[in-house]
């Protein structure tokens, strides 16, 4: 690996803790620089009343310093991401420049709002299937379409995290972690 990869995991009030923290944990185990990013403030309350201290706030970072962005699901977290203009601009920017955009559970609604799902292969939590518009919906645990990566929900968070590593060019580390974590 030439340079340390940097990933930004957005945390909006009401985020799904398993989806966000599993990704952060796996990426950090792989020595990927992974920042939890709040939309405002230092702490973000998850969907199941777990308060998480963010590493950075969206208003204090240069989004272009990152190689990938991750959007956890959860409600109302996914709606809060979908309604944040800075998040939508980041999604559009990363997508247009071929950088990895990863969304799990309800968070593909953010991709829809950003206008990047048309004709793309995607998955989500089943209840959000009809909210994704004219995409190619699949029921696989993780679906990749170019630089878009989507996943189903809390139970697929490890699959999602390992696939993020692979998309970042860290195939060997992903395989090592799968074995070490008894996946």
C-alpha atoms as a PDB file:
ATOM      1  CA  UNK A   1       0.000   0.000   0.000  1.00  0.00           C
ATOM      2  CA  UNK A   2       1.453   3.339  -1.053  1.00  0.00           C
ATOM      3  CA  UNK A   3      -0.402   5.612   1.332  1.00  0.00           C
ATOM      4  CA  UNK A   4      -2.662   5.076   4.287  1.00  0.00           C
ATOM      5  CA  UNK A   5      -6.268   5.080   3.134  1.00  0.00           C
ATOM      6  CA  UNK A   6      -8.663   7.485   4.867  1.00  0.00           C
ATOM      7  CA  UNK A   7     -12.355   6.790   5.320  1.00  0.00           C
ATOM      8  CA  UNK A   8     -15.084   9.039   6.683  1.00  0.00           C
ATOM      9  CA  UNK A   9     -18.057   7.416   8.420  1.00  0.00           C
ATOM     10  CA  UNK A  10     -20.927   9.868   8.792  1.00  0.00           C
ATOM     11  CA  UNK A  11     -22.855   9.762  12.071  1.00  0.00           C
ATOM     12  CA  UNK A  12     -26.224  11.475  12.068  1.00  0.00           C
ATOM     13  CA  UNK A  13     -28.546  11.524  15.059  1.00  0.00           C
ATOM     14  CA  UNK A  14     -30.364   8.157  15.078  1.00  0.00           C
ATOM     15  CA  UNK A  15     -27.668   6.171  13.207  1.00  0.00           C
ATOM     16  CA  UNK A  16     -27.606   2.361  13.474  1.00  0.00           C
ATOM     17  CA  UNK A  17     -24.779   1.666  15.907  1.00  0.00           C
ATOM     18  CA  UNK A  18     -23.902  -1.855  14.686  1.00  0.00           C
ATOM     19  CA  UNK A  19     -23.546  -0.675  11.098  1.00  0.00           C
ATOM     20  CA  UNK A  20     -21.394   2.355  11.906  1.00  0.00           C
ATOM     21  CA  UNK A  21     -19.185   0.931  14.620  1.00  0.00           C
ATOM     22  CA  UNK A  22     -18.580  -2.424  12.922  1.00  0.00           C
ATOM     23  CA  UNK A  23     -17.189  -0.587   9.895  1.00  0.00           C
ATOM     24  CA  UNK A  24     -15.036   1.682  12.073  1.00  0.00           C
ATOM     25  CA  UNK A  25     -13.741  -1.289  14.090  1.00  0.00           C
ATOM     26  CA  UNK A  26     -12.846  -3.423  11.060  1.00  0.00           C
ATOM     27  CA  UNK A  27     -11.200  -0.559   9.176  1.00  0.00           C
ATOM     28  CA  UNK A  28      -9.125   0.462  12.187  1.00  0.00           C
ATOM     29  CA  UNK A  29      -8.046  -3.157  12.747  1.00  0.00           C
ATOM     30  CA  UNK A  30      -6.804  -3.039   9.144  1.00  0.00           C
ATOM     31  CA  UNK A  31      -4.885   0.164   9.949  1.00  0.00           C
ATOM     32  CA  UNK A  32      -7.071   2.275   7.693  1.00  0.00           C
ATOM     33  CA  UNK A  33      -7.453   5.792   9.047  1.00  0.00           C
ATOM     34  CA  UNK A  34     -11.163   5.960   9.810  1.00  0.00           C
ATOM     35  CA  UNK A  35     -12.877   9.048  11.196  1.00  0.00           C
ATOM     36  CA  UNK A  36     -16.357   9.133  12.656  1.00  0.00           C
ATOM     37  CA  UNK A  37     -17.848  12.405  11.431  1.00  0.00           C
ATOM     38  CA  UNK A  38     -20.752  14.174  13.110  1.00  0.00           C
ATOM     39  CA  UNK A  39     -23.067  16.533  11.287  1.00  0.00           C
ATOM     40  CA  UNK A  40     -22.937  18.858  14.275  1.00  0.00           C
ATOM     41  CA  UNK A  41     -21.454  18.706  17.739  1.00  0.00           C
ATOM     42  CA  UNK A  42     -19.034  16.379  19.458  1.00  0.00           C
ATOM     43  CA  UNK A  43     -21.420  13.541  20.401  1.00  0.00           C
ATOM     44  CA  UNK A  44     -24.005  11.747  18.289  1.00  0.00           C
ATOM     45  CA  UNK A  45     -26.838   9.684  19.752  1.00  0.00           C
ATOM     46  CA  UNK A  46     -27.517   6.436  17.919  1.00  0.00           C
ATOM     47  CA  UNK A  47     -30.873   4.801  17.211  1.00  0.00           C
ATOM     48  CA  UNK A  48     -30.533   2.617  20.326  1.00  0.00           C
ATOM     49  CA  UNK A  49     -29.478   5.373  22.735  1.00  0.00           C
ATOM     50  CA  UNK A  50     -25.729   4.794  22.465  1.00  0.00           C
ATOM     51  CA  UNK A  51     -23.920   8.122  22.573  1.00  0.00           C
ATOM     52  CA  UNK A  52     -20.769   8.149  20.416  1.00  0.00           C
ATOM     53  CA  UNK A  53     -18.028  10.756  20.461  1.00  0.00           C
ATOM     54  CA  UNK A  54     -17.187  11.738  16.883  1.00  0.00           C
ATOM     55  CA  UNK A  55     -13.591  12.227  15.775  1.00  0.00           C
ATOM     56  CA  UNK A  56     -14.405  15.166  13.515  1.00  0.00           C
ATOM     57  CA  UNK A  57     -17.310  17.407  12.545  1.00  0.00           C
ATOM     58  CA  UNK A  58     -18.332  17.886   8.920  1.00  0.00           C
ATOM     59  CA  UNK A  59     -17.881  21.659   9.228  1.00  0.00           C
ATOM     60  CA  UNK A  60     -14.203  21.267  10.240  1.00  0.00           C
ATOM     61  CA  UNK A  61     -12.837  18.900   7.589  1.00  0.00           C
ATOM     62  CA  UNK A  62     -11.727  18.904   3.984  1.00  0.00           C
ATOM     63  CA  UNK A  63     -13.833  16.125   2.480  1.00  0.00           C
ATOM     64  CA  UNK A  64     -11.263  15.714  -0.284  1.00  0.00           C
ATOM     65  CA  UNK A  65      -8.739  14.337   2.235  1.00  0.00           C
ATOM     66  CA  UNK A  66     -10.671  11.048   2.233  1.00  0.00           C
ATOM     67  CA  UNK A  67     -10.686   8.036  -0.085  1.00  0.00           C
ATOM     68  CA  UNK A  68     -14.170   6.813   0.820  1.00  0.00           C
ATOM     69  CA  UNK A  69     -17.326   7.816   2.630  1.00  0.00           C
ATOM     70  CA  UNK A  70     -19.616   5.455   4.535  1.00  0.00           C
ATOM     71  CA  UNK A  71     -23.274   6.076   5.305  1.00  0.00           C
ATOM     72  CA  UNK A  72     -24.734   3.930   8.116  1.00  0.00           C
ATOM     73  CA  UNK A  73     -28.459   3.293   8.200  1.00  0.00           C
ATOM     74  CA  UNK A  74     -30.796   3.504  11.138  1.00  0.00           C
ATOM     75  CA  UNK A  75     -33.734   5.770  11.643  1.00  0.00           C
ATOM     76  CA  UNK A  76     -33.966   8.673  11.809  1.00  0.00           C
ATOM     77  CA  UNK A  77     -30.229   8.654  11.038  1.00  0.00           C
ATOM     78  CA  UNK A  78     -30.577   7.892   7.327  1.00  0.00           C
ATOM     79  CA  UNK A  79     -33.212  10.626   6.949  1.00  0.00           C
ATOM     80  CA  UNK A  80     -30.922  13.062   8.759  1.00  0.00           C
ATOM     81  CA  UNK A  81     -28.113  12.213   6.329  1.00  0.00           C
ATOM     82  CA  UNK A  82     -30.495  12.532   3.367  1.00  0.00           C
ATOM     83  CA  UNK A  83     -31.568  15.993   4.520  1.00  0.00           C
ATOM     84  CA  UNK A  84     -28.037  17.357   5.008  1.00  0.00           C
ATOM     85  CA  UNK A  85     -26.776  19.355   2.018  1.00  0.00           C
ATOM     86  CA  UNK A  86     -23.097  18.850   2.894  1.00  0.00           C
ATOM     87  CA  UNK A  87     -23.573  15.071   2.987  1.00  0.00           C
ATOM     88  CA  UNK A  88     -25.414  15.124  -0.341  1.00  0.00           C
ATOM     89  CA  UNK A  89     -22.677  17.233  -1.940  1.00  0.00           C
ATOM     90  CA  UNK A  90     -20.010  14.843  -0.590  1.00  0.00           C
ATOM     91  CA  UNK A  91     -21.882  11.844  -2.026  1.00  0.00           C
ATOM     92  CA  UNK A  92     -22.238  13.505  -5.443  1.00  0.00           C
ATOM     93  CA  UNK A  93     -18.597  14.612  -5.423  1.00  0.00           C
ATOM     94  CA  UNK A  94     -17.190  11.215  -4.410  1.00  0.00           C
ATOM     95  CA  UNK A  95     -19.387   9.406  -6.902  1.00  0.00           C
ATOM     96  CA  UNK A  96     -18.463  11.689  -9.809  1.00  0.00           C
ATOM     97  CA  UNK A  97     -14.737  11.357  -9.098  1.00  0.00           C
ATOM     98  CA  UNK A  98     -14.854   7.570  -8.769  1.00  0.00           C
ATOM     99  CA  UNK A  99     -14.205   7.490  -5.035  1.00  0.00           C
ATOM    100  CA  UNK A 100     -15.917   4.838  -2.938  1.00  0.00           C
ATOM    101  CA  UNK A 101     -19.413   5.656  -1.651  1.00  0.00           C
ATOM    102  CA  UNK A 102     -20.751   2.969   0.705  1.00  0.00           C
ATOM    103  CA  UNK A 103     -24.250   2.856   2.214  1.00  0.00           C
ATOM    104  CA  UNK A 104     -25.966   0.215   4.337  1.00  0.00           C
ATOM    105  CA  UNK A 105     -29.533  -0.529   5.466  1.00  0.00           C
ATOM    106  CA  UNK A 106     -31.708   2.593   5.039  1.00  0.00           C
ATOM    107  CA  UNK A 107     -28.805   4.792   3.891  1.00  0.00           C
ATOM    108  CA  UNK A 108     -29.189   4.069   0.160  1.00  0.00           C
ATOM    109  CA  UNK A 109     -32.034   6.629   0.368  1.00  0.00           C
ATOM    110  CA  UNK A 110     -29.217   9.191   0.634  1.00  0.00           C
ATOM    111  CA  UNK A 111     -27.799   7.911  -2.656  1.00  0.00           C
ATOM    112  CA  UNK A 112     -31.253   8.234  -4.233  1.00  0.00           C
ATOM    113  CA  UNK A 113     -31.590  11.796  -2.924  1.00  0.00           C
ATOM    114  CA  UNK A 114     -28.156  12.599  -4.381  1.00  0.00           C
ATOM    115  CA  UNK A 115     -29.397  11.372  -7.767  1.00  0.00           C
ATOM    116  CA  UNK A 116     -26.804   8.644  -8.309  1.00  0.00           C
ATOM    117  CA  UNK A 117     -28.851   5.406  -8.208  1.00  0.00           C
ATOM    118  CA  UNK A 118     -30.491   5.507 -11.637  1.00  0.00           C
ATOM    119  CA  UNK A 119     -29.776   2.173 -13.347  1.00  0.00           C
ATOM    120  CA  UNK A 120     -27.307   1.071 -10.670  1.00  0.00           C
ATOM    121  CA  UNK A 121     -27.248  -2.307  -8.907  1.00  0.00           C
ATOM    122  CA  UNK A 122     -28.106  -1.727  -5.259  1.00  0.00           C
ATOM    123  CA  UNK A 123     -29.462  -3.315  -2.103  1.00  0.00           C
ATOM    124  CA  UNK A 124     -30.860  -1.997   1.161  1.00  0.00           C
ATOM    125  CA  UNK A 125     -32.950  -2.924   4.149  1.00  0.00           C
ATOM    126  CA  UNK A 126     -36.028  -4.506   2.513  1.00  0.00           C
ATOM    127  CA  UNK A 127     -38.459  -1.819   3.728  1.00  0.00           C
ATOM    128  CA  UNK A 128     -36.576   0.806   1.646  1.00  0.00           C
ATOM    129  CA  UNK A 129     -36.615  -1.059  -1.662  1.00  0.00           C
ATOM    130  CA  UNK A 130     -39.473   1.000  -3.113  1.00  0.00           C
ATOM    131  CA  UNK A 131     -37.866   4.298  -2.047  1.00  0.00           C
ATOM    132  CA  UNK A 132     -34.813   3.803  -4.257  1.00  0.00           C
ATOM    133  CA  UNK A 133     -36.345   4.619  -7.614  1.00  0.00           C
ATOM    134  CA  UNK A 134     -35.212   3.229 -10.959  1.00  0.00           C
ATOM    135  CA  UNK A 135     -32.302   1.061  -9.846  1.00  0.00           C
ATOM    136  CA  UNK A 136     -31.465  -2.627 -10.274  1.00  0.00           C
ATOM    137  CA  UNK A 137     -32.477  -3.962  -6.858  1.00  0.00           C
ATOM    138  CA  UNK A 138     -30.733  -7.081  -5.559  1.00  0.00           C
ATOM    139  CA  UNK A 139     -31.125  -9.049  -2.356  1.00  0.00           C
ATOM    140  CA  UNK A 140     -27.455  -9.990  -1.935  1.00  0.00           C
ATOM    141  CA  UNK A 141     -25.783  -9.172   1.390  1.00  0.00           C
ATOM    142  CA  UNK A 142     -23.471  -6.684  -0.323  1.00  0.00           C
ATOM    143  CA  UNK A 143     -23.835  -5.223  -3.819  1.00  0.00           C
ATOM    144  CA  UNK A 144     -21.087  -3.398  -5.693  1.00  0.00           C
ATOM    145  CA  UNK A 145     -21.644  -1.315  -8.821  1.00  0.00           C
ATOM    146  CA  UNK A 146     -18.488   0.516  -9.854  1.00  0.00           C
ATOM    147  CA  UNK A 147     -17.673   2.854  -6.929  1.00  0.00           C
ATOM    148  CA  UNK A 148     -21.006   2.302  -5.155  1.00  0.00           C
ATOM    149  CA  UNK A 149     -21.248  -0.300  -2.405  1.00  0.00           C
ATOM    150  CA  UNK A 150     -24.496  -1.107  -0.607  1.00  0.00           C
ATOM    151  CA  UNK A 151     -25.545  -3.629   2.002  1.00  0.00           C
ATOM    152  CA  UNK A 152     -28.713  -4.914   3.697  1.00  0.00           C
ATOM    153  CA  UNK A 153     -28.602  -4.138   7.424  1.00  0.00           C
ATOM    154  CA  UNK A 154     -27.135  -4.842  10.872  1.00  0.00           C
ATOM    155  CA  UNK A 155     -26.571  -8.566  10.237  1.00  0.00           C
ATOM    156  CA  UNK A 156     -24.531  -7.795   7.083  1.00  0.00           C
ATOM    157  CA  UNK A 157     -22.300  -5.155   8.697  1.00  0.00           C
ATOM    158  CA  UNK A 158     -19.229  -7.416   8.774  1.00  0.00           C
ATOM    159  CA  UNK A 159     -19.705  -8.424   5.124  1.00  0.00           C
ATOM    160  CA  UNK A 160     -20.013  -4.721   4.297  1.00  0.00           C
ATOM    161  CA  UNK A 161     -16.889  -3.741   6.256  1.00  0.00           C
ATOM    162  CA  UNK A 162     -14.732  -6.446   4.673  1.00  0.00           C
ATOM    163  CA  UNK A 163     -15.939  -5.452   1.210  1.00  0.00           C
ATOM    164  CA  UNK A 164     -15.077  -1.806   1.922  1.00  0.00           C
ATOM    165  CA  UNK A 165     -11.526  -2.981   2.673  1.00  0.00           C
ATOM    166  CA  UNK A 166     -11.401  -4.916  -0.588  1.00  0.00           C
ATOM    167  CA  UNK A 167     -12.675  -1.902  -2.545  1.00  0.00           C
ATOM    168  CA  UNK A 168      -9.860   0.123  -0.952  1.00  0.00           C
ATOM    169  CA  UNK A 169      -7.324  -2.370  -2.303  1.00  0.00           C
ATOM    170  CA  UNK A 170      -6.851  -4.155   1.017  1.00  0.00           C
ATOM    171  CA  UNK A 171      -7.820  -7.684  -0.080  1.00  0.00           C
ATOM    172  CA  UNK A 172      -5.105  -9.349   2.006  1.00  0.00           C
ATOM    173  CA  UNK A 173      -6.011  -7.462   5.173  1.00  0.00           C
ATOM    174  CA  UNK A 174      -9.697  -8.239   4.639  1.00  0.00           C
ATOM    175  CA  UNK A 175      -8.942 -11.956   4.335  1.00  0.00           C
ATOM    176  CA  UNK A 176      -6.638 -11.890   7.369  1.00  0.00           C
ATOM    177  CA  UNK A 177      -9.278 -10.149   9.481  1.00  0.00           C
ATOM    178  CA  UNK A 178     -12.028 -12.517   8.381  1.00  0.00           C
ATOM    179  CA  UNK A 179      -9.888 -15.383   9.668  1.00  0.00           C
ATOM    180  CA  UNK A 180      -8.716 -13.619  12.846  1.00  0.00           C
ATOM    181  CA  UNK A 181     -12.267 -12.518  13.725  1.00  0.00           C
ATOM    182  CA  UNK A 182     -13.643 -16.051  13.100  1.00  0.00           C
ATOM    183  CA  UNK A 183     -15.908 -14.823  10.343  1.00  0.00           C
END
